[in-house]
Structures are given as C-alpha cells and as structure tokens.
C-alpha cells in the first residue's frame, strides 16, 4: 500500500506537492497544517515521485522512494538545443556490425537508462529479453526465414513475396538480411494491462537507441524479425515469453563496423497550426 510521510519540521507549507500531483490527491496546506493525502490516496497514487521530487526541503517521503534515494536535479548538465539536435541528427540505423559482443554491464546500464522513459500510469511495464549468443541468433534468423517461405507459399502474389524470396535465398547462401549478423538482439514485452504497453515499449526502445550512441554502439529496429515473431508459432514458442505477455518490439545492437561521415537531409515536417 502506498503511503506518504511529511516531516512537519521540514515542511514550508508551500503547497508545491499538492500542485504538482497528477491526480490531485494531496490536499493543499491549510494554515499551519502541512499538506496531506486524501483518504483515497493509496488507491489512486501512481508512485510517480513528483511530490518527492518537487519538495525543496526534502520534507516528503513516499513508500516507493525517499528524498535520499533521489539524485539532486542538475539542470546545468542538460545539453542545449544545438547539442541535442546534433546528437539526434547523428543517430543512424546500423546494419554493419563488428563481431565483438557488447559487454553485459554496458547493456544493463543502457536498459536501466531506457527505464527512465515515461509509461502509462507509471506502470513501467516493459520487460527485456536479450539474445547475444551466435547460435541462438542464427536460429532466430532461420525461424524468420521459415515464416517467409510459408508466406510466399500461402500468398505468392503478395508484394512482399519477391522481397521474402530474396531474403531467404540470401540466408541459404550465408548472408543474413534479417538481423544483419548483429551480435545482440533485444526484445521488449509486457503483460497487457491498460492498453498503453505498445507505446510504452516503443518509447523505451527509443531511449535505448539514443543511449547506445554514448557507449559507441549502434542500433537498428528489427522490423522483419518482428513481422515473423508476431505470427509464426515456432518462433513464438522458441522465445518462451511469459504467459499473457505480448512482444512489442525488437532491436539489433552492436559496435558499428563503419563510421558515417555526414548527416543525411530529412524531409521538412508538415505542421498544421491551429
């Protein structure tokens, strides 16, 4: 059960906690009395930590976190607009990897960084599945190609059929066009609860993708693999996801074999102002 503790000796009665609370479940201070949660607090609180984070004196503790557990906000360390735009423009989809497998400690930190992504109701529902063994990765590619063969047989007139044939033929000749010989594949999955899980997972993968740059790693969304994993039962059985969990996305990662020298031009965004 969620609970809030307010240290009256530290509380300045500024009411910031009641203002910042997303669900407005903290009563504003009245006179000399500090703010206090409404009776239904434990039922509706999403443990976002806003009340703890906003208090300048550290007067509020939440059962999910205390002020001492939360790092001080350092706004000076946030990159400026030019720095951030430069970083975003540098980001490329990497499909040529070195054979070196990313260190487990690095991947763990990147996943932790991805965990700071927002999620619906602050449920933080994303679970991660990591494959970094060459035999396992090759088996995943083989299963994906089995699905493509099946699809070509079932729907030979599909616009995907020529592409699938090319990918399968390449694989049979030892060329991986599904995972591009990536040394690591990460997948995100979750139990369906509120309907926001697929969005939550996509945001987390986006965070992971950007975090990779700071470690000298590159990423690429594994779209072909996901097409197979969504519908091919042998592949689903091999993944062995927990019962009731849905696979939302997959991403290849590894150390880039090549280095880009320029940042390609992108379309100007279409914006309608109202």
Protein backbone atom coordinates (compact mmCIF):
# COMPACT_ATOMS: atom_id res chain seq x y z
CA UNK A 1 0.00 0.00 0.00
CA UNK A 2 1.33 3.42 -0.96
CA UNK A 3 1.90 5.93 1.79
CA UNK A 4 3.27 9.44 2.19
CA UNK A 5 5.13 10.79 5.19
CA UNK A 6 5.57 14.52 5.68
CA UNK A 7 8.19 15.85 8.07
CA UNK A 8 6.41 18.80 9.64
CA UNK A 9 9.67 20.33 10.83
CA UNK A 10 10.98 20.49 7.23
CA UNK A 11 7.70 21.35 5.50
CA UNK A 12 7.44 25.04 4.50
CA UNK A 13 3.70 24.73 3.67
CA UNK A 14 4.36 25.99 0.13
CA UNK A 15 1.82 23.53 -1.29
CA UNK A 16 4.02 22.51 -4.23
CA UNK A 17 3.30 18.83 -3.67
CA UNK A 18 -0.44 19.35 -3.95
CA UNK A 19 0.01 21.47 -7.09
CA UNK A 20 2.30 19.01 -8.87
CA UNK A 21 0.38 15.81 -8.03
CA UNK A 22 -1.00 14.47 -11.37
CA UNK A 23 -4.19 13.16 -9.79
CA UNK A 24 -4.60 15.96 -7.26
CA UNK A 25 -4.76 13.54 -4.35
CA UNK A 26 -2.76 15.68 -1.92
CA UNK A 27 -4.77 18.29 -0.05
CA UNK A 28 -3.21 21.80 -0.05
CA UNK A 29 -1.88 23.09 3.29
CA UNK A 30 -4.41 24.81 5.48
CA UNK A 31 -2.98 27.45 7.74
CA UNK A 32 -0.23 25.97 9.87
CA UNK A 33 -1.14 22.42 8.86
CA UNK A 34 1.03 20.64 6.29
CA UNK A 35 -0.44 19.12 3.10
CA UNK A 36 -1.95 15.68 3.49
CA UNK A 37 -3.12 12.91 1.17
CA UNK A 38 -6.82 12.45 0.59
CA UNK A 39 -8.33 9.27 2.06
CA UNK A 40 -8.29 7.51 -1.34
CA UNK A 41 -4.58 8.25 -1.78
CA UNK A 42 -3.35 4.66 -1.61
CA UNK A 43 -5.88 3.59 -4.25
CA UNK A 44 -5.10 6.22 -6.88
CA UNK A 45 -1.42 7.07 -6.37
CA UNK A 46 0.74 6.01 -9.34
CA UNK A 47 4.04 6.37 -7.43
CA UNK A 48 5.42 8.86 -9.97
CA UNK A 49 7.53 10.53 -7.30
CA UNK A 50 6.56 14.08 -8.31
CA UNK A 51 5.74 15.03 -4.72
CA UNK A 52 9.16 13.87 -3.53
CA UNK A 53 10.95 15.47 -6.47
CA UNK A 54 9.30 18.89 -6.18
CA UNK A 55 9.82 19.46 -2.45
CA UNK A 56 12.80 21.84 -1.98
CA UNK A 57 13.41 20.80 1.61
CA UNK A 58 13.05 17.04 1.27
CA UNK A 59 10.09 17.02 3.64
CA UNK A 60 8.11 14.34 1.77
CA UNK A 61 8.88 10.64 1.71
CA UNK A 62 6.92 8.13 -0.34
CA UNK A 63 6.76 4.43 0.40
CA UNK A 64 8.26 3.84 -3.07
CA UNK A 65 11.13 6.30 -2.57
CA UNK A 66 12.68 8.69 -0.09
CA UNK A 67 14.37 12.05 -0.83
CA UNK A 68 17.75 10.47 -0.08
CA UNK A 69 17.19 7.90 -2.84
CA UNK A 70 16.55 10.58 -5.47
CA UNK A 71 19.54 12.31 -7.07
CA UNK A 72 19.55 16.13 -6.98
CA UNK A 73 18.34 17.70 -10.22
CA UNK A 74 21.27 19.13 -12.21
CA UNK A 75 19.80 21.35 -14.92
CA UNK A 76 23.25 22.58 -15.99
CA UNK A 77 24.16 19.13 -17.28
CA UNK A 78 21.23 19.02 -19.73
CA UNK A 79 22.53 19.50 -23.31
CA UNK A 80 21.43 22.64 -25.10
CA UNK A 81 19.19 22.61 -28.20
CA UNK A 82 22.12 22.67 -30.64
CA UNK A 83 23.91 19.83 -28.87
CA UNK A 84 20.77 17.72 -28.68
CA UNK A 85 19.82 18.35 -32.31
CA UNK A 86 23.34 17.40 -33.38
CA UNK A 87 23.08 14.16 -31.42
CA UNK A 88 19.68 13.32 -32.93
CA UNK A 89 20.96 14.01 -36.44
CA UNK A 90 24.00 11.81 -35.82
CA UNK A 91 21.79 8.84 -34.99
CA UNK A 92 21.77 6.26 -37.82
CA UNK A 93 20.31 2.79 -38.28
CA UNK A 94 23.34 0.48 -38.14
CA UNK A 95 23.32 -2.73 -40.18
CA UNK A 96 27.04 -3.48 -40.34
CA UNK A 97 28.43 -4.65 -37.04
CA UNK A 98 31.75 -5.76 -35.67
CA UNK A 99 31.80 -9.32 -34.34
CA UNK A 100 32.51 -8.04 -30.82
CA UNK A 101 29.57 -8.65 -28.48
CA UNK A 102 28.58 -5.65 -26.33
CA UNK A 103 29.56 -6.08 -22.70
CA UNK A 104 26.78 -7.25 -20.40
CA UNK A 105 27.45 -4.38 -18.00
CA UNK A 106 27.04 -1.84 -20.82
CA UNK A 107 23.76 -3.37 -21.97
CA UNK A 108 22.47 -3.45 -18.42
CA UNK A 109 23.19 0.24 -17.98
CA UNK A 110 21.54 1.08 -21.30
CA UNK A 111 18.43 -0.86 -20.31
CA UNK A 112 18.43 0.99 -17.00
CA UNK A 113 18.63 4.28 -18.87
CA UNK A 114 15.73 3.17 -21.06
CA UNK A 115 13.80 2.54 -17.86
CA UNK A 116 13.60 6.30 -17.30
CA UNK A 117 11.17 6.53 -20.23
CA UNK A 118 7.60 7.59 -19.39
CA UNK A 119 4.89 4.94 -19.27
CA UNK A 120 1.12 4.98 -18.96
CA UNK A 121 0.02 5.24 -15.32
CA UNK A 122 3.72 4.97 -14.43
CA UNK A 123 3.35 1.19 -14.52
CA UNK A 124 6.81 0.77 -16.07
CA UNK A 125 5.58 -2.49 -17.66
CA UNK A 126 8.45 -3.15 -20.07
CA UNK A 127 10.37 -6.42 -19.74
CA UNK A 128 13.56 -7.12 -21.71
CA UNK A 129 14.73 -10.30 -23.41
CA UNK A 130 18.31 -10.36 -24.68
CA UNK A 131 19.91 -12.78 -27.15
CA UNK A 132 23.68 -12.45 -27.61
CA UNK A 133 24.71 -16.00 -28.50
CA UNK A 134 25.54 -16.53 -32.17
CA UNK A 135 23.84 -19.92 -32.39
CA UNK A 136 20.63 -18.55 -30.86
CA UNK A 137 20.66 -15.52 -33.15
CA UNK A 138 21.17 -17.71 -36.22
CA UNK A 139 18.28 -19.88 -35.11
CA UNK A 140 16.05 -16.81 -34.81
CA UNK A 141 17.01 -15.80 -38.34
CA UNK A 142 16.30 -19.32 -39.59
CA UNK A 143 12.85 -19.32 -37.99
CA UNK A 144 12.14 -15.91 -39.50
CA UNK A 145 13.09 -17.26 -42.93
CA UNK A 146 10.84 -20.29 -42.39
CA UNK A 147 7.95 -17.86 -41.86
CA UNK A 148 8.85 -16.03 -45.06
CA UNK A 149 8.86 -19.30 -47.01
CA UNK A 150 5.43 -20.07 -45.60
CA UNK A 151 4.11 -16.64 -46.53
CA UNK A 152 5.40 -16.94 -50.10
CA UNK A 153 3.65 -20.31 -50.42
CA UNK A 154 0.40 -19.01 -48.96
CA UNK A 155 0.37 -15.65 -50.75
CA UNK A 156 2.59 -15.83 -53.84
CA UNK A 157 1.04 -12.67 -55.30
CA UNK A 158 1.79 -10.57 -52.23
CA UNK A 159 4.05 -7.55 -52.87
CA UNK A 160 6.25 -8.92 -50.08
CA UNK A 161 6.89 -12.24 -51.84
CA UNK A 162 9.80 -11.10 -54.05
CA UNK A 163 11.48 -9.50 -51.03
CA UNK A 164 10.93 -12.57 -48.88
CA UNK A 165 12.35 -14.80 -51.61
CA UNK A 166 15.44 -12.63 -51.84
CA UNK A 167 15.96 -12.70 -48.06
CA UNK A 168 15.52 -16.48 -47.88
CA UNK A 169 17.87 -17.07 -50.83
CA UNK A 170 20.48 -14.82 -49.21
CA UNK A 171 20.20 -16.73 -45.92
CA UNK A 172 20.66 -20.05 -47.68
CA UNK A 173 23.89 -18.63 -49.10
CA UNK A 174 25.06 -17.50 -45.65
CA UNK A 175 24.02 -13.84 -45.86
CA UNK A 176 21.80 -12.59 -43.03
CA UNK A 177 19.40 -9.87 -44.20
CA UNK A 178 17.10 -10.28 -41.20
CA UNK A 179 19.40 -9.36 -38.29
CA UNK A 180 22.46 -8.42 -40.38
CA UNK A 181 24.76 -10.56 -38.23
CA UNK A 182 24.12 -8.30 -35.25
CA UNK A 183 25.88 -9.67 -32.16
CA UNK A 184 22.94 -8.82 -29.93
CA UNK A 185 19.14 -8.65 -30.24
CA UNK A 186 16.98 -7.10 -27.53
CA UNK A 187 13.22 -7.54 -27.33
CA UNK A 188 10.63 -5.79 -25.19
CA UNK A 189 7.48 -7.46 -23.97
CA UNK A 190 4.83 -6.89 -21.32
CA UNK A 191 1.58 -8.08 -19.88
CA UNK A 192 -1.46 -6.26 -21.22
CA UNK A 193 -2.96 -4.06 -18.51
CA UNK A 194 -4.04 -0.61 -19.67
CA UNK A 195 -3.60 -0.64 -23.45
CA UNK A 196 -0.58 1.69 -23.45
CA UNK A 197 2.00 -1.09 -23.32
CA UNK A 198 2.98 -1.00 -27.01
CA UNK A 199 3.56 2.76 -26.79
CA UNK A 200 5.47 2.37 -23.53
CA UNK A 201 7.70 -0.25 -25.16
CA UNK A 202 8.34 1.87 -28.24
CA UNK A 203 9.40 4.84 -26.11
CA UNK A 204 11.72 2.62 -24.06
CA UNK A 205 13.34 1.25 -27.22
CA UNK A 206 13.75 4.81 -28.47
CA UNK A 207 15.54 5.73 -25.25
CA UNK A 208 17.74 2.64 -25.61
CA UNK A 209 18.55 3.54 -29.21
CA UNK A 210 19.74 7.01 -28.24
CA UNK A 211 21.60 5.77 -25.16
CA UNK A 212 23.60 3.43 -27.42
CA UNK A 213 25.37 6.37 -29.04
CA UNK A 214 27.02 7.39 -25.78
CA UNK A 215 28.59 3.93 -25.48
CA UNK A 216 29.84 3.82 -29.06
CA UNK A 217 27.14 1.32 -30.03
CA UNK A 218 24.71 1.39 -32.93
CA UNK A 219 21.16 0.08 -33.22
CA UNK A 220 18.58 -0.86 -35.81
CA UNK A 221 14.92 -1.73 -35.31
CA UNK A 222 14.37 -5.38 -36.30
CA UNK A 223 11.24 -4.96 -38.39
CA UNK A 224 11.49 -8.17 -40.45
CA UNK A 225 12.07 -10.22 -37.33
CA UNK A 226 9.04 -8.62 -35.66
CA UNK A 227 6.83 -9.45 -38.65
CA UNK A 228 7.73 -13.09 -38.21
CA UNK A 229 7.56 -13.10 -34.42
CA UNK A 230 4.05 -11.64 -34.45
CA UNK A 231 2.57 -14.55 -36.38
CA UNK A 232 4.92 -17.56 -36.62
CA UNK A 233 4.17 -20.02 -33.82
CA UNK A 234 7.51 -21.89 -33.93
CA UNK A 235 9.29 -18.59 -33.37
CA UNK A 236 6.91 -17.61 -30.58
CA UNK A 237 7.49 -20.97 -28.88
CA UNK A 238 11.26 -20.50 -29.10
CA UNK A 239 11.05 -17.09 -27.39
CA UNK A 240 9.11 -18.60 -24.45
CA UNK A 241 7.58 -15.31 -23.31
CA UNK A 242 5.68 -15.44 -20.00
CA UNK A 243 2.02 -16.36 -20.33
CA UNK A 244 -0.12 -13.35 -21.14
CA UNK A 245 2.84 -11.28 -22.35
CA UNK A 246 2.94 -9.66 -25.77
CA UNK A 247 6.05 -8.90 -27.82
CA UNK A 248 6.14 -5.22 -28.75
CA UNK A 249 9.48 -4.61 -30.46
CA UNK A 250 12.99 -5.82 -31.17
CA UNK A 251 16.25 -4.00 -31.74
CA UNK A 252 19.64 -5.11 -33.03
CA UNK A 253 22.68 -3.59 -31.39
CA UNK A 254 26.44 -3.85 -31.53
CA UNK A 255 29.60 -1.93 -32.30
CA UNK A 256 29.36 -0.32 -35.77
CA UNK A 257 31.77 -1.70 -38.34
CA UNK A 258 31.69 1.52 -40.38
CA UNK A 259 31.53 5.20 -39.42
CA UNK A 260 29.26 7.68 -41.16
CA UNK A 261 30.88 10.91 -42.31
CA UNK A 262 27.78 13.02 -42.97
CA UNK A 263 24.30 13.53 -41.61
CA UNK A 264 21.68 12.98 -44.36
CA UNK A 265 18.97 15.51 -45.10
CA UNK A 266 15.46 14.72 -43.89
CA UNK A 267 12.07 15.92 -45.09
CA UNK A 268 10.76 19.10 -43.57
CA UNK A 269 7.98 18.25 -41.10
CA UNK A 270 4.42 19.01 -42.13
CA UNK A 271 2.84 21.13 -39.42
CA UNK A 272 -0.71 22.42 -39.21
CA UNK A 273 -1.06 25.22 -36.68
CA UNK A 274 -4.45 25.80 -35.06
